C-alpha atoms as a PDB file:
ATOM      1  CA  MET A   1     -23.212  -9.089  36.055  1.00  0.00           C
ATOM      2  CA  ASN A   2     -24.747  -6.507  33.691  1.00  0.00           C
ATOM      3  CA  ARG A   3     -28.156  -6.961  32.094  1.00  0.00           C
ATOM      4  CA  PHE A   4     -26.760  -8.097  28.726  1.00  0.00           C
ATOM      5  CA  ASN A   5     -24.532 -10.777  30.217  1.00  0.00           C
ATOM      6  CA  LYS A   6     -27.362 -11.974  32.463  1.00  0.00           C
ATOM      7  CA  GLN A   7     -29.642 -12.407  29.446  1.00  0.00           C
ATOM      8  CA  GLU A   8     -26.900 -14.210  27.558  1.00  0.00           C
ATOM      9  CA  LYS A   9     -26.381 -16.587  30.480  1.00  0.00           C
ATOM     10  CA  ILE A  10     -30.106 -17.434  30.536  1.00  0.00           C
ATOM     11  CA  LYS A  11     -30.092 -17.908  26.756  1.00  0.00           C
ATOM     12  CA  ASN A  12     -27.154 -20.303  26.942  1.00  0.00           C
ATOM     13  CA  LYS A  13     -28.909 -22.380  29.607  1.00  0.00           C
ATOM     14  CA  GLN A  14     -31.977 -22.601  27.408  1.00  0.00           C
ATOM     15  CA  GLU A  15     -29.890 -23.638  24.395  1.00  0.00           C
ATOM     16  CA  SER A  16     -28.240 -26.302  26.529  1.00  0.00           C
ATOM     17  CA  PHE A  17     -31.642 -27.684  27.497  1.00  0.00           C
ATOM     18  CA  ARG A  18     -32.752 -27.820  23.840  1.00  0.00           C
ATOM     19  CA  GLN A  19     -29.542 -29.428  22.703  1.00  0.00           C
ATOM     20  CA  ASN A  20     -29.487 -31.978  25.508  1.00  0.00           C
ATOM     21  CA  THR A  21     -33.102 -33.032  24.879  1.00  0.00           C
ATOM     22  CA  ALA A  22     -32.460 -33.393  21.151  1.00  0.00           C
ATOM     23  CA  LYS A  23     -29.303 -35.414  21.823  1.00  0.00           C
ATOM     24  CA  LEU A  24     -31.164 -37.789  24.136  1.00  0.00           C
ATOM     25  CA  ALA A  25     -33.926 -38.254  21.555  1.00  0.00           C
ATOM     26  CA  GLY A  26     -31.441 -39.084  18.819  1.00  0.00           C
ATOM     27  CA  VAL A  27     -28.968 -41.283  20.677  1.00  0.00           C
ATOM     28  CA  PHE A  28     -31.576 -43.346  22.495  1.00  0.00           C
ATOM     29  CA  GLY A  29     -34.217 -43.192  19.758  1.00  0.00           C
ATOM     30  CA  HIS A  30     -33.529 -43.769  16.048  1.00  0.00           C
ATOM     31  CA  MET A  31     -29.825 -44.390  16.510  1.00  0.00           C
ATOM     32  CA  SER A  32     -30.050 -46.915  19.338  1.00  0.00           C
ATOM     33  CA  PRO A  33     -29.342 -50.622  18.811  1.00  0.00           C
ATOM     34  CA  LEU A  34     -32.580 -51.510  20.584  1.00  0.00           C
ATOM     35  CA  TYR A  35     -34.645 -49.447  18.135  1.00  0.00           C
ATOM     36  CA  LYS A  36     -33.065 -51.260  15.183  1.00  0.00           C
ATOM     37  CA  GLN A  37     -33.581 -54.626  16.866  1.00  0.00           C
ATOM     38  CA  ARG A  38     -37.264 -53.932  17.534  1.00  0.00           C
ATOM     39  CA  ARG A  39     -37.778 -52.876  13.934  1.00  0.00           C
ATOM     40  CA  ARG A  40     -36.291 -56.163  12.744  1.00  0.00           C
ATOM     41  CA  TYR A  41     -38.736 -57.971  15.031  1.00  0.00           C
ATOM     42  CA  GLY A  42     -41.685 -56.288  13.317  1.00  0.00           C
ATOM     43  CA  TYR A  43     -42.396 -53.412  15.668  1.00  0.00           C
ATOM     44  CA  SER A  44     -43.780 -50.265  14.052  1.00  0.00           C
ATOM     45  CA  HIS A  45     -41.497 -47.232  13.973  1.00  0.00           C
ATOM     46  CA  ASN A  46     -43.308 -45.525  16.856  1.00  0.00           C
ATOM     47  CA  GLU A  47     -43.521 -48.704  18.944  1.00  0.00           C
ATOM     48  CA  ALA A  48     -39.780 -49.254  18.521  1.00  0.00           C
ATOM     49  CA  ILE A  49     -38.980 -45.620  19.380  1.00  0.00           C
ATOM     50  CA  SER A  50     -41.102 -45.687  22.545  1.00  0.00           C
ATOM     51  CA  ALA A  51     -39.737 -49.060  23.672  1.00  0.00           C
ATOM     52  CA  SER A  52     -36.145 -47.929  23.140  1.00  0.00           C
ATOM     53  CA  LEU A  53     -36.559 -44.664  25.040  1.00  0.00           C
ATOM     54  CA  SER A  54     -38.324 -46.426  27.915  1.00  0.00           C
ATOM     55  CA  HIS A  55     -35.649 -49.139  28.154  1.00  0.00           C
ATOM     56  CA  TYR A  56     -32.788 -46.656  28.281  1.00  0.00           C
ATOM     57  CA  GLY A  57     -34.762 -44.537  30.714  1.00  0.00           C
ATOM     58  CA  ASP A  58     -34.589 -47.517  33.061  1.00  0.00           C
ATOM     59  CA  HIS A  59     -31.088 -48.768  32.346  1.00  0.00           C
ATOM     60  CA  ALA A  60     -28.844 -46.142  30.733  1.00  0.00           C
ATOM     61  CA  LYS A  61     -25.883 -45.020  32.848  1.00  0.00           C
ATOM     62  CA  ILE A  62     -26.720 -41.334  32.559  1.00  0.00           C
ATOM     63  CA  PRO A  63     -27.897 -38.719  35.100  1.00  0.00           C
ATOM     64  CA  GLU A  64     -31.317 -39.332  36.626  1.00  0.00           C
ATOM     65  CA  LYS A  65     -32.728 -36.142  35.102  1.00  0.00           C
ATOM     66  CA  ASP A  66     -31.824 -37.466  31.636  1.00  0.00           C
ATOM     67  CA  ARG A  67     -33.463 -40.804  32.377  1.00  0.00           C
ATOM     68  CA  ASN A  68     -36.596 -38.939  33.464  1.00  0.00           C
ATOM     69  CA  MET A  69     -36.577 -37.068  30.158  1.00  0.00           C
ATOM     70  CA  LEU A  70     -36.249 -40.339  28.236  1.00  0.00           C
ATOM     71  CA  HIS A  71     -39.287 -41.697  30.067  1.00  0.00           C
ATOM     72  CA  LEU A  72     -41.238 -38.540  29.241  1.00  0.00           C
ATOM     73  CA  LEU A  73     -40.304 -38.778  25.563  1.00  0.00           C
ATOM     74  CA  SER A  74     -41.252 -42.469  25.543  1.00  0.00           C
ATOM     75  CA  LYS A  75     -44.765 -41.578  26.762  1.00  0.00           C
ATOM     76  CA  LEU A  76     -45.206 -38.516  24.541  1.00  0.00           C
ATOM     77  CA  ASN A  77     -46.754 -40.141  21.475  1.00  0.00           C
ATOM     78  CA  GLU A  78     -49.357 -42.141  23.394  1.00  0.00           C
ATOM     79  CA  PHE A  79     -50.196 -39.051  25.453  1.00  0.00           C
ATOM     80  CA  ILE A  80     -50.827 -37.016  22.276  1.00  0.00           C
ATOM     81  CA  LEU A  81     -52.939 -39.783  20.722  1.00  0.00           C
ATOM     82  CA  ALA A  82     -54.975 -40.301  23.899  1.00  0.00           C
ATOM     83  CA  GLN A  83     -55.611 -36.582  24.295  1.00  0.00           C
ATOM     84  CA  ASN A  84     -56.714 -36.351  20.671  1.00  0.00           C
ATOM     85  CA  GLU A  85     -59.144 -39.260  21.106  1.00  0.00           C
ATOM     86  CA  ILE A  86     -60.649 -37.702  24.223  1.00  0.00           C
ATOM     87  CA  ASN A  87     -61.029 -34.374  22.435  1.00  0.00           C
ATOM     88  CA  GLU A  88     -62.812 -36.054  19.541  1.00  0.00           C
ATOM     89  CA  MET A  89     -65.289 -37.748  21.881  1.00  0.00           C
ATOM     90  CA  ASN A  90     -65.993 -34.449  23.646  1.00  0.00           C
ATOM     91  CA  ARG A  91     -66.065 -32.336  20.491  1.00  0.00           C
ATOM     92  CA  ASP A  92     -69.842 -32.080  19.915  1.00  0.00           C
ATOM     93  CA  ASN A  93     -70.723 -31.610  23.622  1.00  0.00           C
ATOM     94  CA  SER A  94     -73.266 -34.428  23.427  1.00  0.00           C
ATOM     95  CA  ARG A  95     -73.858 -36.778  26.334  1.00  0.00           C
ATOM     96  CA  LEU A  96     -71.269 -39.534  26.377  1.00  0.00           C
ATOM     97  CA  SER A  97     -72.336 -43.156  26.343  1.00  0.00           C
ATOM     98  CA  THR A  98     -71.260 -45.511  29.115  1.00  0.00           C
ATOM     99  CA  ARG A  99     -68.809 -47.097  26.720  1.00  0.00           C
ATOM    100  CA  GLU A 100     -67.282 -43.716  25.826  1.00  0.00           C
ATOM    101  CA  LYS A 101     -66.948 -42.769  29.486  1.00  0.00           C
ATOM    102  CA  GLN A 102     -65.164 -46.040  30.191  1.00  0.00           C
ATOM    103  CA  ARG A 103     -62.887 -45.469  27.211  1.00  0.00           C
ATOM    104  CA  ILE A 104     -61.986 -41.994  28.470  1.00  0.00           C
ATOM    105  CA  ASN A 105     -61.237 -43.391  31.937  1.00  0.00           C
ATOM    106  CA  ASN A 106     -58.979 -46.036  30.388  1.00  0.00           C
ATOM    107  CA  LEU A 107     -57.125 -43.441  28.321  1.00  0.00           C
ATOM    108  CA  LYS A 108     -56.600 -41.267  31.394  1.00  0.00           C
ATOM    109  CA  ASN A 109     -55.430 -44.169  33.538  1.00  0.00           C
ATOM    110  CA  ASN A 110     -53.084 -45.683  30.955  1.00  0.00           C
ATOM    111  CA  PHE A 111     -51.655 -42.642  29.200  1.00  0.00           C
ATOM    112  CA  LEU A 112     -52.547 -39.184  30.555  1.00  0.00           C
ATOM    113  CA  ILE A 113     -51.908 -39.807  34.250  1.00  0.00           C
ATOM    114  CA  PRO A 114     -48.580 -41.677  33.753  1.00  0.00           C
ATOM    115  CA  PHE A 115     -47.426 -38.910  31.396  1.00  0.00           C
ATOM    116  CA  ASN A 116     -48.326 -36.214  33.937  1.00  0.00           C
ATOM    117  CA  HIS A 117     -46.515 -38.013  36.747  1.00  0.00           C
ATOM    118  CA  THR A 118     -43.340 -38.155  34.654  1.00  0.00           C
ATOM    119  CA  LEU A 119     -43.856 -34.560  33.507  1.00  0.00           C
ATOM    120  CA  LYS A 120     -43.837 -33.514  37.160  1.00  0.00           C
ATOM    121  CA  GLU A 121     -40.440 -35.145  37.677  1.00  0.00           C
ATOM    122  CA  VAL A 122     -38.992 -33.487  34.578  1.00  0.00           C
ATOM    123  CA  ILE A 123     -40.283 -30.035  35.597  1.00  0.00           C
ATOM    124  CA  ASN A 124     -38.752 -30.551  39.040  1.00  0.00           C
ATOM    125  CA  ASP A 125     -35.476 -31.355  37.275  1.00  0.00           C
ATOM    126  CA  ASN A 126     -35.642 -28.155  35.193  1.00  0.00           C
ATOM    127  CA  PRO A 127     -37.350 -25.481  37.326  1.00  0.00           C
ATOM    128  CA  ASN A 128     -35.626 -22.506  35.687  1.00  0.00           C
ATOM    129  CA  VAL A 129     -36.221 -23.451  32.055  1.00  0.00           C
ATOM    130  CA  GLY A 130     -38.607 -21.141  30.202  1.00  0.00           C
ATOM    131  CA  PHE A 131     -42.135 -22.377  29.527  1.00  0.00           C
ATOM    132  CA  GLY A 132     -41.877 -21.793  25.771  1.00  0.00           C
ATOM    133  CA  GLU A 133     -38.440 -23.364  25.604  1.00  0.00           C
ATOM    134  CA  PHE A 134     -39.634 -26.449  27.449  1.00  0.00           C
ATOM    135  CA  THR A 135     -42.858 -27.014  25.512  1.00  0.00           C
ATOM    136  CA  GLY A 136     -41.217 -26.153  22.197  1.00  0.00           C
ATOM    137  CA  SER A 137     -38.467 -28.711  22.810  1.00  0.00           C
ATOM    138  CA  LEU A 138     -41.004 -31.425  23.588  1.00  0.00           C
ATOM    139  CA  VAL A 139     -42.993 -30.715  20.431  1.00  0.00           C
ATOM    140  CA  ARG A 140     -39.906 -30.566  18.195  1.00  0.00           C
ATOM    141  CA  ASN A 141     -38.799 -33.920  19.531  1.00  0.00           C
ATOM    142  CA  TYR A 142     -42.309 -35.340  19.182  1.00  0.00           C
ATOM    143  CA  ILE A 143     -42.230 -34.453  15.476  1.00  0.00           C
ATOM    144  CA  TYR A 144     -38.662 -35.748  15.135  1.00  0.00           C
ATOM    145  CA  LEU A 145     -39.387 -39.035  16.877  1.00  0.00           C
ATOM    146  CA  TYR A 146     -42.960 -39.925  16.013  1.00  0.00           C
ATOM    147  CA  SER A 147     -44.310 -38.061  12.973  1.00  0.00           C
ATOM    148  CA  LYS A 148     -42.999 -40.663  10.501  1.00  0.00           C
ATOM    149  CA  ASP A 149     -45.967 -42.943  11.243  1.00  0.00           C
ATOM    150  CA  ASN A 150     -48.398 -39.962  11.328  1.00  0.00           C
ATOM    151  CA  GLU A 151     -50.827 -41.721  13.662  1.00  0.00           C
ATOM    152  CA  LEU A 152     -52.915 -38.566  14.056  1.00  0.00           C
ATOM    153  CA  GLY A 153     -53.656 -38.729  10.343  1.00  0.00           C
ATOM    154  CA  VAL A 154     -53.194 -34.988   9.723  1.00  0.00           C
ATOM    155  CA  GLY A 155     -50.642 -32.765   8.016  1.00  0.00           C
ATOM    156  CA  ARG A 156     -47.302 -31.982   9.675  1.00  0.00           C
ATOM    157  CA  GLY A 157     -48.299 -28.414  10.565  1.00  0.00           C
ATOM    158  CA  GLN A 158     -51.620 -29.465  12.086  1.00  0.00           C
ATOM    159  CA  GLU A 159     -49.897 -32.299  13.933  1.00  0.00           C
ATOM    160  CA  ALA A 160     -47.395 -29.880  15.472  1.00  0.00           C
ATOM    161  CA  GLN A 161     -50.142 -27.419  16.368  1.00  0.00           C
ATOM    162  CA  PHE A 162     -52.216 -30.032  18.176  1.00  0.00           C
ATOM    163  CA  ALA A 163     -49.164 -31.442  19.957  1.00  0.00           C
ATOM    164  CA  LEU A 164     -48.132 -27.973  21.130  1.00  0.00           C
ATOM    165  CA  HIS A 165     -51.604 -27.243  22.498  1.00  0.00           C
ATOM    166  CA  ALA A 166     -51.718 -30.561  24.396  1.00  0.00           C
ATOM    167  CA  VAL A 167     -48.201 -30.181  25.788  1.00  0.00           C
ATOM    168  CA  GLU A 168     -48.761 -26.556  26.799  1.00  0.00           C
ATOM    169  CA  GLN A 169     -51.954 -27.422  28.677  1.00  0.00           C
ATOM    170  CA  ALA A 170     -50.322 -30.307  30.528  1.00  0.00           C
ATOM    171  CA  THR A 171     -47.171 -28.334  31.361  1.00  0.00           C
ATOM    172  CA  ASN A 172     -49.042 -25.251  32.533  1.00  0.00           C
ATOM    173  CA  GLY A 173     -51.326 -27.347  34.723  1.00  0.00           C
ATOM    174  CA  MET A 174     -48.381 -29.170  36.256  1.00  0.00           C
ATOM    175  CA  ARG A 175     -46.347 -26.045  36.964  1.00  0.00           C
ATOM    176  CA  HIS A 176     -49.361 -24.576  38.773  1.00  0.00           C
ATOM    177  CA  GLU A 177     -49.681 -27.783  40.788  1.00  0.00           C
ATOM    178  CA  LEU A 178     -46.012 -27.625  41.779  1.00  0.00           C
ATOM    179  CA  ALA A 179     -46.331 -23.919  42.580  1.00  0.00           C
ATOM    180  CA  THR A 180     -49.227 -24.772  44.897  1.00  0.00           C
ATOM    181  CA  GLU A 181     -46.957 -27.115  46.829  1.00  0.00           C
ATOM    182  CA  THR A 182     -44.402 -24.312  47.154  1.00  0.00           C
ATOM    183  CA  MET A 183     -47.072 -21.901  48.428  1.00  0.00           C
ATOM    184  CA  LEU A 184     -48.309 -24.442  50.965  1.00  0.00           C
ATOM    185  CA  ASP A 185     -44.713 -24.966  52.139  1.00  0.00           C
ATOM    186  CA  ALA A 186     -44.293 -21.210  52.504  1.00  0.00           C
ATOM    187  CA  ALA A 187     -47.542 -20.952  54.502  1.00  0.00           C
ATOM    188  CA  GLY A 188     -46.668 -23.891  56.747  1.00  0.00           C
ATOM    189  CA  VAL A 189     -49.693 -25.906  55.595  1.00  0.00           C
ATOM    190  CA  GLU A 190     -49.199 -29.648  55.646  1.00  0.00           C
ATOM    191  CA  TYR A 191     -49.960 -31.411  52.367  1.00  0.00           C
ATOM    192  CA  SER A 192     -49.506 -34.742  50.637  1.00  0.00           C
ATOM    193  CA  TYR A 193     -49.195 -35.466  46.928  1.00  0.00           C
ATOM    194  CA  ASP A 194     -49.480 -39.224  47.492  1.00  0.00           C
ATOM    195  CA  THR A 195     -52.529 -39.638  45.259  1.00  0.00           C
ATOM    196  CA  SER A 196     -53.840 -42.744  43.539  1.00  0.00           C
ATOM    197  CA  ILE A 197     -55.005 -43.194  39.955  1.00  0.00           C
ATOM    198  CA  ASP A 198     -58.591 -42.927  41.202  1.00  0.00           C
ATOM    199  CA  ASP A 199     -57.723 -39.654  42.947  1.00  0.00           C
ATOM    200  CA  ASP A 200     -56.279 -38.252  39.738  1.00  0.00           C
ATOM    201  CA  ARG A 201     -59.207 -39.427  37.662  1.00  0.00           C
ATOM    202  CA  TYR A 202     -61.714 -37.734  39.970  1.00  0.00           C
ATOM    203  CA  GLY A 203     -59.793 -34.474  40.111  1.00  0.00           C
ATOM    204  CA  THR A 204     -57.788 -34.663  43.325  1.00  0.00           C
ATOM    205  CA  ASP A 205     -54.265 -33.364  42.716  1.00  0.00           C
ATOM    206  CA  LEU A 206     -53.136 -33.306  46.338  1.00  0.00           C
ATOM    207  CA  TYR A 207     -54.352 -33.358  49.932  1.00  0.00           C
ATOM    208  CA  VAL A 208     -54.115 -30.451  52.357  1.00  0.00           C
ATOM    209  CA  LYS A 209     -54.483 -30.564  56.123  1.00  0.00           C
ATOM    210  CA  ILE A 210     -56.653 -27.762  57.499  1.00  0.00           C
ATOM    211  CA  ASP A 211     -57.659 -27.759  61.181  1.00  0.00           C
ATOM    212  CA  ASN A 212     -56.575 -31.387  61.615  1.00  0.00           C
ATOM    213  CA  THR A 213     -58.667 -32.597  58.674  1.00  0.00           C
ATOM    214  CA  TRP A 214     -57.374 -33.723  55.284  1.00  0.00           C
ATOM    215  CA  TYR A 215     -59.083 -32.452  52.127  1.00  0.00           C
ATOM    216  CA  GLY A 216     -58.500 -33.485  48.529  1.00  0.00           C
ATOM    217  CA  ILE A 217     -58.281 -30.442  46.262  1.00  0.00           C
ATOM    218  CA  ASP A 218     -58.258 -29.932  42.504  1.00  0.00           C
ATOM    219  CA  ILE A 219     -55.680 -27.337  41.422  1.00  0.00           C
ATOM    220  CA  LYS A 220     -56.658 -25.107  38.514  1.00  0.00           C
ATOM    221  CA  ALA A 221     -54.397 -22.780  36.555  1.00  0.00           C
ATOM    222  CA  SER A 222     -57.051 -20.086  36.117  1.00  0.00           C
ATOM    223  CA  ASN A 223     -60.263 -18.703  37.555  1.00  0.00           C
ATOM    224  CA  LEU A 224     -62.058 -19.926  34.428  1.00  0.00           C
ATOM    225  CA  GLY A 225     -60.885 -23.470  35.094  1.00  0.00           C
ATOM    226  CA  GLU A 226     -62.093 -23.253  38.688  1.00  0.00           C
ATOM    227  CA  LYS A 227     -65.480 -21.929  37.602  1.00  0.00           C
ATOM    228  CA  ALA A 228     -65.893 -24.619  34.941  1.00  0.00           C
ATOM    229  CA  ALA A 229     -65.174 -27.370  37.485  1.00  0.00           C
ATOM    230  CA  ARG A 230     -67.662 -25.934  39.985  1.00  0.00           C
ATOM    231  CA  ASP A 231     -70.324 -25.409  37.316  1.00  0.00           C
ATOM    232  CA  LYS A 232     -69.940 -29.058  36.349  1.00  0.00           C
ATOM    233  CA  PHE A 233     -70.216 -30.292  39.933  1.00  0.00           C
ATOM    234  CA  ARG A 234     -71.314 -28.148  42.883  1.00  0.00           C
ATOM    235  CA  GLY A 235     -69.344 -30.322  45.288  1.00  0.00           C
ATOM    236  CA  SER A 236     -66.106 -29.646  43.448  1.00  0.00           C
ATOM    237  CA  MET A 237     -63.023 -28.852  45.511  1.00  0.00           C
ATOM    238  CA  ALA A 238     -61.435 -26.972  42.609  1.00  0.00           C
ATOM    239  CA  ILE A 239     -59.370 -23.904  43.419  1.00  0.00           C
ATOM    240  CA  SER A 240     -57.238 -21.692  41.197  1.00  0.00           C
ATOM    241  CA  THR A 241     -53.708 -20.835  42.250  1.00  0.00           C
ATOM    242  CA  GLY A 242     -54.224 -17.115  41.680  1.00  0.00           C
ATOM    243  CA  LEU A 243     -50.864 -16.997  39.899  1.00  0.00           C
ATOM    244  CA  ASN A 244     -50.071 -15.138  36.689  1.00  0.00           C
ATOM    245  CA  VAL A 245     -47.370 -15.821  34.109  1.00  0.00           C
ATOM    246  CA  SER A 246     -45.222 -13.088  35.683  1.00  0.00           C
ATOM    247  CA  ASP A 247     -45.216 -14.982  38.993  1.00  0.00           C
ATOM    248  CA  PHE A 248     -43.318 -17.904  37.442  1.00  0.00           C
ATOM    249  CA  ASN A 249     -39.905 -16.376  37.959  1.00  0.00           C
ATOM    250  CA  GLY A 250     -37.881 -19.552  38.611  1.00  0.00           C
ATOM    251  CA  ILE A 251     -36.451 -20.707  41.908  1.00  0.00           C
ATOM    252  CA  SER A 252     -33.855 -17.920  41.762  1.00  0.00           C
ATOM    253  CA  GLY A 253     -36.515 -15.266  41.160  1.00  0.00           C
ATOM    254  CA  ASP A 254     -34.816 -13.733  38.092  1.00  0.00           C
ATOM    255  CA  LYS A 255     -36.403 -15.691  35.220  1.00  0.00           C
ATOM    256  CA  GLU A 256     -39.340 -14.871  32.969  1.00  0.00           C
ATOM    257  CA  ASN A 257     -42.219 -17.307  32.382  1.00  0.00           C
ATOM    258  CA  ALA A 258     -40.291 -20.225  33.885  1.00  0.00           C
ATOM    259  CA  LEU A 259     -41.562 -23.593  35.126  1.00  0.00           C
ATOM    260  CA  SER A 260     -41.461 -22.685  38.816  1.00  0.00           C
ATOM    261  CA  ILE A 261     -41.910 -19.846  41.279  1.00  0.00           C
ATOM    262  CA  SER A 262     -39.404 -18.619  43.829  1.00  0.00           C
ATOM    263  CA  TYR A 263     -39.911 -19.172  47.540  1.00  0.00           C
ATOM    264  CA  GLU A 264     -40.209 -15.406  47.976  1.00  0.00           C
ATOM    265  CA  ALA A 265     -43.018 -15.251  45.415  1.00  0.00           C
ATOM    266  CA  ALA A 266     -44.683 -18.223  47.099  1.00  0.00           C
ATOM    267  CA  GLN A 267     -44.600 -16.456  50.466  1.00  0.00           C
ATOM    268  CA  GLU A 268     -46.247 -13.383  48.951  1.00  0.00           C
ATOM    269  CA  LYS A 269     -48.980 -15.309  47.123  1.00  0.00           C
ATOM    270  CA  SER A 270     -49.661 -17.962  49.744  1.00  0.00           C
ATOM    271  CA  LYS A 271     -51.669 -15.717  52.068  1.00  0.00           C
ATOM    272  CA  ASP A 272     -54.438 -15.130  49.533  1.00  0.00           C
ATOM    273  CA  PHE A 273     -54.362 -18.767  48.402  1.00  0.00           C
ATOM    274  CA  VAL A 274     -54.735 -20.197  51.912  1.00  0.00           C
ATOM    275  CA  LYS A 275     -57.485 -17.688  52.687  1.00  0.00           C
ATOM    276  CA  ARG A 276     -59.451 -18.805  49.618  1.00  0.00           C
ATOM    277  CA  LEU A 277     -58.707 -22.430  50.444  1.00  0.00           C
ATOM    278  CA  ARG A 278     -60.178 -22.081  53.937  1.00  0.00           C
ATOM    279  CA  SER A 279     -63.198 -20.264  52.543  1.00  0.00           C
ATOM    280  CA  MET A 280     -63.829 -23.043  50.025  1.00  0.00           C
ATOM    281  CA  ILE A 281     -63.524 -25.747  52.654  1.00  0.00           C
ATOM    282  CA  SER A 282     -65.921 -24.023  55.051  1.00  0.00           C
ATOM    283  CA  ALA A 283     -68.584 -23.415  52.364  1.00  0.00           C
ATOM    284  CA  PRO A 284     -71.551 -25.819  52.282  1.00  0.00           C
ATOM    285  CA  ARG A 285     -71.439 -28.062  49.230  1.00  0.00           C
ATOM    286  CA  GLN A 286     -73.254 -30.866  47.547  1.00  0.00           C
ATOM    287  CA  ILE A 287     -72.169 -34.236  48.885  1.00  0.00           C
ATOM    288  CA  GLY A 288     -70.223 -36.077  46.212  1.00  0.00           C
ATOM    289  CA  ARG A 289     -67.055 -37.886  45.380  1.00  0.00           C
ATOM    290  CA  GLN A 290     -64.786 -35.097  46.621  1.00  0.00           C
ATOM    291  CA  ALA A 291     -66.653 -34.728  49.909  1.00  0.00           C
ATOM    292  CA  THR A 292     -66.738 -38.380  50.909  1.00  0.00           C
ATOM    293  CA  LYS A 293     -64.539 -41.406  51.533  1.00  0.00           C
ATOM    294  CA  LYS A 294     -60.851 -40.542  51.750  1.00  0.00           C
ATOM    295  CA  TYR A 295     -61.232 -37.145  50.141  1.00  0.00           C
ATOM    296  CA  ILE A 296     -62.016 -35.786  53.603  1.00  0.00           C
ATOM    297  CA  TYR A 297     -60.662 -37.655  56.600  1.00  0.00           C
ATOM    298  CA  HIS A 298     -59.369 -37.027  60.095  1.00  0.00           C
END
């Protein structure tokens, strides 16, 4: 296959992803009988959209990857609203009240964490889709499905801009988390992603087994993210993946800025990652949440 045909093949796959996501949003959103029924029962537009997408995500006789996408779309509006509320509370960098901290925990537990869990499934379903294609499709469908009620209370352009920023952050973080699992596989390091809501809330993305001991670690997409976590708490088990955009070449290794890395890339990058992981684990640290209880166990 020559270079032109290869690029055309990738482009067609991306167009298929866009078209399929838009079709799912339309058929199981505004045009679904359940949406119309919920509206007659007094549900708001956005409530009816979310309920319809969630229902068909459970029951529609369509491929599992499409049901996963319906579940992601059903959670998208509440994820955007929750992220906006958290940002507003953190905007002035003042100390949060106990009530505000509890509110943030509730928003994370009820909306951010469930969204991220579903996002992980959808990324696993679409490992070769481009990052921009994926996030752009989610934002276009967010506007299509949910902007009628304008719950953010801003103009359409500002709404799309905020949604894109929130979706890009979540997607980039999740693809780095999945890439970490691939690197650990390549290095032969045992790990577990069986984390609880409390684990997620306190920053543990997965557990790794080093020298017969399990450690909960917090995966960061950049060195800046790692530094910020450690500056906030000296006992942090945050570690950056060490990956760049160019490393996300898809499972086949021939994509650009995709949602996954190839096994070959994981093998190459895993040596440095595991070395830094061992160094972090062996370093003395302040005793705290991530150095007690089940975060470290034998």
